[in-house]
Amino acid sequence: MSSASAALPRPGRTKAFLRLVMIEHSVFALPFAYIATLTAMFELDRNIHWGRLLLVTVCMVGLRTFAMAVNRIIDREIDARNPRTAHRELVTGAMSVRHAWTGALVALVVFLGSAALLNPLCLALAPVAVIPMVVYPYGKRFTDFPQAILGLAQAMGPIGGWLAVTGSWSWDAVILGLAVGVWIGGFDLIYACQDVETDREIGVRSVPARFGIPAAIWGARACHTVTTALFVWYALATHAGAFFWLGLVIVAAAFVYEHRIVRPHDLSRLNRAFFSVNGFIGIALFVCALLDLLVRGLTV
């Protein structure tokens, strides 16, 4: 067997790596990058540029894959001490650190390569997008607010999607990016509540660990109120139509439902709130935004 063929990942390793980075969770951020990208195309010439949309997809998946792999690598010792995360691939040995780094670096090259194909500004700003992805897993070691770093990292998706189309800065994209960042930071506050006792024992820092579960839940409610306000601001700034506003009503109702099923003294439905409701929010708003742009004249 040649050294080149030996270096190729085995199917089992590939599957383990995809489980490691939870590739299916791209549903949280990718729809908002699409909203920004398609809105920018609408404002540019009202045409969908499929090649550019594909590159945006590759960029987003590549960067997110890199970020998740690095997160798992950096946090593997913490994960081993937490019963909830002790089954993760780097803890059980289903994936070696070496192969995880290989996958992460391949994803990073894919991200940088696709950014270079978009335009010079995207390539120049690509390293800026990478920094919070690497800093975030360390955040829980030096701040009680690691969700703020996560929010900053996620906010870059819509901004990057807009830059990919126009090659120029857009404050409309910043508004949408802030909405996404505050939204994801808020639901990560909820998600962190399930690890409070373990985090306190092993010294992991977070809002729930420092201030308690009730404070974290109220913080998430405040974040999602701000998110809704930012979505409204974005709709006004981009002169959105009826379908987008319908999407905002659906999102607001989903937020109300999410915070009705997760309460400070009842986290039994936390996973439903985190995975199902938040996945629904991204997809629902994207579908409504797409319909709105098509009705207003976006050409497929």
Protein backbone atom coordinates (compact mmCIF):
# COMPACT_ATOMS: atom_id res chain seq x y z
CA MET A 1 0.00 0.00 0.00
CA SER A 2 1.40 3.41 -0.96
CA SER A 3 1.91 6.14 1.62
CA ALA A 4 -0.63 8.30 -0.24
CA SER A 5 -3.36 5.68 0.00
CA ALA A 6 -2.48 4.98 3.62
CA ALA A 7 -3.03 8.67 4.40
CA LEU A 8 -6.59 8.58 3.07
CA PRO A 9 -9.14 8.48 5.89
CA ARG A 10 -11.01 5.23 6.34
CA PRO A 11 -14.80 5.33 5.99
CA GLY A 12 -15.12 4.69 9.72
CA ARG A 13 -12.90 7.63 10.53
CA THR A 14 -14.85 9.88 8.19
CA LYS A 15 -18.11 8.93 9.86
CA ALA A 16 -16.56 9.46 13.30
CA PHE A 17 -15.30 12.88 12.24
CA LEU A 18 -18.74 13.90 10.97
CA ARG A 19 -20.21 12.83 14.32
CA LEU A 20 -17.44 14.72 16.10
CA VAL A 21 -18.27 18.03 14.38
CA MET A 22 -22.05 17.40 14.45
CA ILE A 23 -22.35 18.40 10.79
CA GLU A 24 -26.15 18.44 11.02
CA HIS A 25 -26.00 21.47 13.32
CA SER A 26 -25.14 23.64 10.33
CA VAL A 27 -28.90 24.19 10.24
CA PHE A 28 -28.54 26.79 13.00
CA ALA A 29 -26.34 29.33 11.19
CA LEU A 30 -26.49 28.44 7.49
CA PRO A 31 -30.06 29.71 6.84
CA PHE A 32 -29.11 33.19 8.02
CA ALA A 33 -26.05 33.30 5.78
CA TYR A 34 -28.40 32.39 2.92
CA ILE A 35 -30.81 35.18 3.89
CA ALA A 36 -28.00 37.74 3.76
CA THR A 37 -26.55 36.32 0.55
CA LEU A 38 -29.86 36.24 -1.30
CA THR A 39 -30.85 39.70 -0.07
CA ALA A 40 -27.54 41.05 -1.34
CA MET A 41 -28.17 39.38 -4.71
CA PHE A 42 -31.64 40.90 -4.79
CA GLU A 43 -30.23 44.36 -4.17
CA LEU A 44 -27.39 43.80 -6.66
CA ASP A 45 -29.28 42.68 -9.77
CA ARG A 46 -32.26 40.58 -8.59
CA ASN A 47 -30.66 37.35 -9.83
CA ILE A 48 -29.56 34.28 -7.88
CA HIS A 49 -25.90 33.59 -8.66
CA TRP A 50 -25.77 29.86 -8.01
CA GLY A 51 -21.99 29.49 -8.21
CA ARG A 52 -21.50 32.19 -5.59
CA LEU A 53 -24.23 30.69 -3.41
CA LEU A 54 -22.43 27.35 -3.58
CA LEU A 55 -19.16 28.98 -2.53
CA VAL A 56 -20.89 30.64 0.42
CA THR A 57 -22.19 27.20 1.44
CA VAL A 58 -18.72 25.68 1.21
CA CYS A 59 -17.27 28.59 3.21
CA MET A 60 -19.84 28.27 5.97
CA VAL A 61 -19.61 24.49 6.28
CA GLY A 62 -15.80 24.58 6.09
CA LEU A 63 -15.43 27.21 8.80
CA ARG A 64 -18.02 25.63 11.06
CA THR A 65 -16.40 22.19 10.65
CA PHE A 66 -13.01 23.66 11.56
CA ALA A 67 -14.50 25.46 14.57
CA MET A 68 -16.28 22.37 15.92
CA ALA A 69 -13.23 20.13 15.44
CA VAL A 70 -10.94 22.60 17.22
CA ASN A 71 -13.53 22.98 19.99
CA ARG A 72 -13.64 19.23 20.55
CA ILE A 73 -9.83 18.94 20.47
CA ILE A 74 -9.26 21.75 22.97
CA ASP A 75 -12.07 20.58 25.27
CA ARG A 76 -11.37 16.84 25.19
CA GLU A 77 -10.07 16.73 28.78
CA ILE A 78 -13.06 18.71 30.04
CA ASP A 79 -15.39 16.45 28.04
CA ALA A 80 -13.84 13.39 29.65
CA ARG A 81 -14.78 14.71 33.11
CA ASN A 82 -18.39 15.48 32.22
CA PRO A 83 -20.79 12.48 32.12
CA ARG A 84 -22.87 14.17 29.41
CA THR A 85 -19.91 14.53 27.04
CA ALA A 86 -17.81 11.53 28.04
CA HIS A 87 -19.10 9.59 25.00
CA ARG A 88 -17.59 12.03 22.50
CA GLU A 89 -15.27 10.55 19.91
CA LEU A 90 -12.00 12.04 21.20
CA VAL A 91 -12.78 10.80 24.70
CA THR A 92 -13.74 7.25 23.75
CA GLY A 93 -10.95 6.87 21.19
CA ALA A 94 -13.28 6.49 18.20
CA MET A 95 -11.31 9.41 16.70
CA SER A 96 -7.66 10.20 17.42
CA VAL A 97 -6.47 13.74 18.08
CA ARG A 98 -4.19 13.46 15.05
CA HIS A 99 -7.05 12.63 12.72
CA ALA A 100 -9.24 15.31 14.26
CA TRP A 101 -6.50 17.88 13.57
CA THR A 102 -6.21 16.56 10.01
CA GLY A 103 -9.94 17.04 9.45
CA ALA A 104 -9.85 20.49 11.04
CA LEU A 105 -6.97 21.65 8.83
CA VAL A 106 -8.61 20.26 5.70
CA ALA A 107 -11.79 22.17 6.60
CA LEU A 108 -9.73 25.34 7.17
CA VAL A 109 -8.06 25.00 3.76
CA VAL A 110 -11.47 24.49 2.14
CA PHE A 111 -12.76 27.62 3.89
CA LEU A 112 -9.80 29.78 2.87
CA GLY A 113 -9.83 28.41 -0.68
CA SER A 114 -13.52 29.13 -1.19
CA ALA A 115 -13.10 32.60 0.35
CA ALA A 116 -10.31 33.29 -2.14
CA LEU A 117 -12.60 32.28 -5.01
CA LEU A 118 -15.27 34.72 -3.84
CA ASN A 119 -13.37 38.02 -3.83
CA PRO A 120 -10.20 39.61 -2.37
CA LEU A 121 -12.05 41.19 0.57
CA CYS A 122 -13.47 37.83 1.67
CA LEU A 123 -9.99 36.32 1.59
CA ALA A 124 -8.48 39.27 3.48
CA LEU A 125 -11.13 39.04 6.22
CA ALA A 126 -11.16 35.24 6.42
CA PRO A 127 -8.51 35.09 9.19
CA VAL A 128 -10.63 37.52 11.23
CA ALA A 129 -13.49 35.02 11.07
CA VAL A 130 -11.20 32.21 12.25
CA ILE A 131 -9.98 33.97 15.42
CA PRO A 132 -13.19 33.77 17.55
CA MET A 133 -13.64 30.16 16.47
CA VAL A 134 -10.35 29.28 18.16
CA VAL A 135 -10.78 31.64 21.12
CA TYR A 136 -14.28 30.39 22.03
CA PRO A 137 -13.33 27.01 23.55
CA TYR A 138 -10.76 28.78 25.72
CA GLY A 139 -13.37 31.33 26.80
CA LYS A 140 -14.87 29.05 29.43
CA ARG A 141 -11.43 29.04 31.10
CA PHE A 142 -11.08 32.82 31.55
CA THR A 143 -14.55 34.42 31.44
CA ASP A 144 -18.02 33.77 32.81
CA PHE A 145 -19.45 34.87 29.46
CA PRO A 146 -18.12 32.45 26.83
CA GLN A 147 -21.51 32.68 25.06
CA ALA A 148 -20.60 36.23 24.06
CA ILE A 149 -17.58 34.90 22.16
CA LEU A 150 -19.76 32.24 20.54
CA GLY A 151 -22.25 34.90 19.51
CA LEU A 152 -19.49 36.99 17.94
CA ALA A 153 -18.29 33.97 15.98
CA GLN A 154 -21.78 33.18 14.69
CA ALA A 155 -22.50 36.80 13.79
CA MET A 156 -19.91 36.63 11.03
CA GLY A 157 -21.97 34.27 8.85
CA PRO A 158 -24.49 36.79 7.50
CA ILE A 159 -21.82 39.48 7.20
CA GLY A 160 -19.62 37.13 5.20
CA GLY A 161 -22.54 36.09 2.99
CA TRP A 162 -23.21 39.70 2.06
CA LEU A 163 -19.52 40.43 1.46
CA ALA A 164 -19.36 37.37 -0.81
CA VAL A 165 -21.87 38.96 -3.18
CA THR A 166 -21.01 42.65 -3.10
CA GLY A 167 -17.38 42.75 -2.00
CA SER A 168 -18.25 45.73 0.19
CA TRP A 169 -19.34 46.37 3.77
CA SER A 170 -23.05 46.44 4.64
CA TRP A 171 -24.57 47.64 7.90
CA ASP A 172 -27.76 45.75 7.01
CA ALA A 173 -25.72 42.54 7.16
CA VAL A 174 -24.26 43.65 10.50
CA ILE A 175 -27.78 44.01 11.92
CA LEU A 176 -28.66 40.48 10.80
CA GLY A 177 -25.33 39.18 12.06
CA LEU A 178 -25.92 40.71 15.49
CA ALA A 179 -29.39 39.17 15.57
CA VAL A 180 -27.95 35.73 14.84
CA GLY A 181 -25.13 36.16 17.35
CA VAL A 182 -27.44 37.26 20.17
CA TRP A 183 -29.90 34.48 19.30
CA ILE A 184 -27.27 31.72 19.39
CA GLY A 185 -25.63 33.18 22.50
CA GLY A 186 -29.04 33.16 24.16
CA PHE A 187 -29.92 29.56 23.44
CA ASP A 188 -26.41 28.48 24.43
CA LEU A 189 -27.14 30.04 27.83
CA ILE A 190 -30.05 27.61 28.09
CA TYR A 191 -27.95 24.68 26.88
CA ALA A 192 -25.23 25.39 29.45
CA CYS A 193 -27.73 25.02 32.29
CA GLN A 194 -27.58 21.22 32.11
CA ASP A 195 -23.89 21.22 33.08
CA VAL A 196 -24.01 23.57 36.08
CA GLU A 197 -22.99 21.10 38.78
CA THR A 198 -20.24 19.49 36.73
CA ASP A 199 -18.92 22.85 35.55
CA ARG A 200 -18.65 24.09 39.12
CA GLU A 201 -16.84 20.92 40.19
CA ILE A 202 -14.21 21.01 37.42
CA GLY A 203 -13.85 24.79 37.18
CA VAL A 204 -15.54 25.46 33.84
CA ARG A 205 -16.87 29.01 33.73
CA SER A 206 -20.27 30.04 32.37
CA VAL A 207 -23.21 32.26 33.24
CA PRO A 208 -25.22 29.39 34.81
CA ALA A 209 -22.21 28.18 36.79
CA ARG A 210 -21.43 31.67 38.08
CA PHE A 211 -24.87 33.23 38.52
CA GLY A 212 -27.23 30.24 38.64
CA ILE A 213 -29.80 28.69 36.33
CA PRO A 214 -32.56 31.28 36.88
CA ALA A 215 -30.20 34.10 35.90
CA ALA A 216 -29.16 32.20 32.77
CA ILE A 217 -32.78 31.56 31.74
CA TRP A 218 -33.68 35.21 32.22
CA GLY A 219 -30.54 36.17 30.32
CA ALA A 220 -31.64 33.95 27.43
CA ARG A 221 -35.08 35.57 27.46
CA ALA A 222 -33.46 39.00 27.29
CA CYS A 223 -31.22 37.84 24.42
CA HIS A 224 -34.17 36.55 22.43
CA THR A 225 -36.12 39.75 23.01
CA VAL A 226 -33.15 41.68 21.62
CA THR A 227 -32.91 39.19 18.74
CA THR A 228 -36.52 39.83 17.79
CA ALA A 229 -35.94 43.60 17.87
CA LEU A 230 -32.88 43.22 15.64
CA PHE A 231 -34.84 41.09 13.16
CA VAL A 232 -37.46 43.85 13.02
CA TRP A 233 -34.70 46.42 12.44
CA TYR A 234 -33.27 44.30 9.64
CA ALA A 235 -36.72 43.96 8.03
CA LEU A 236 -37.17 47.73 8.09
CA ALA A 237 -33.64 48.40 6.82
CA THR A 238 -34.06 46.04 3.85
CA HIS A 239 -37.68 47.06 3.12
CA ALA A 240 -38.86 43.48 3.64
CA GLY A 241 -42.31 42.43 2.48
CA ALA A 242 -45.22 40.54 3.97
CA PHE A 243 -43.69 37.06 3.89
CA PHE A 244 -40.64 38.16 5.88
CA TRP A 245 -42.86 39.81 8.48
CA LEU A 246 -44.86 36.58 8.65
CA GLY A 247 -41.57 34.81 9.34
CA LEU A 248 -40.87 37.18 12.21
CA VAL A 249 -44.27 36.40 13.73
CA ILE A 250 -43.44 32.69 13.51
CA VAL A 251 -40.02 33.28 15.10
CA ALA A 252 -41.50 35.32 17.93
CA ALA A 253 -44.05 32.57 18.60
CA ALA A 254 -41.25 29.97 18.61
CA PHE A 255 -39.31 32.04 21.15
CA VAL A 256 -42.39 32.23 23.40
CA TYR A 257 -42.85 28.46 23.11
CA GLU A 258 -39.17 27.81 23.81
CA HIS A 259 -39.27 29.82 27.01
CA ARG A 260 -42.52 28.25 28.13
CA ILE A 261 -41.09 24.72 27.98
CA VAL A 262 -37.76 25.61 29.63
CA ARG A 263 -38.04 27.05 33.11
CA PRO A 264 -35.43 27.61 35.84
CA HIS A 265 -36.68 24.63 37.85
CA ASP A 266 -37.70 22.41 34.94
CA LEU A 267 -35.05 21.55 32.33
CA SER A 268 -36.67 18.27 31.29
CA ARG A 269 -37.47 19.61 27.81
CA LEU A 270 -34.20 21.45 27.29
CA ASN A 271 -33.10 19.31 24.36
CA ARG A 272 -36.38 19.94 22.57
CA ALA A 273 -35.88 23.68 23.02
CA PHE A 274 -32.25 23.57 21.91
CA PHE A 275 -32.40 21.27 18.90
CA SER A 276 -35.97 21.24 17.63
CA VAL A 277 -37.16 24.79 18.29
CA ASN A 278 -33.97 26.58 17.32
CA GLY A 279 -33.52 24.45 14.20
CA PHE A 280 -37.11 25.30 13.26
CA ILE A 281 -36.47 29.04 13.78
CA GLY A 282 -33.62 29.15 11.27
CA ILE A 283 -35.44 27.14 8.61
CA ALA A 284 -38.76 28.95 9.06
CA LEU A 285 -37.27 32.42 8.73
CA PHE A 286 -35.18 31.39 5.72
CA VAL A 287 -38.22 29.96 3.91
CA CYS A 288 -40.24 33.10 4.60
CA ALA A 289 -37.33 35.36 3.57
CA LEU A 290 -36.86 33.41 0.33
CA LEU A 291 -40.57 33.60 -0.49
CA ASP A 292 -40.50 37.32 0.22
CA LEU A 293 -37.56 37.92 -2.12
CA LEU A 294 -39.12 35.80 -4.87
CA VAL A 295 -42.41 37.68 -4.62
CA ARG A 296 -40.53 40.98 -4.77
CA GLY A 297 -38.74 39.98 -7.95
CA LEU A 298 -35.71 37.78 -7.19
CA THR A 299 -35.07 35.66 -10.27
CA VAL A 300 -34.10 32.02 -9.87
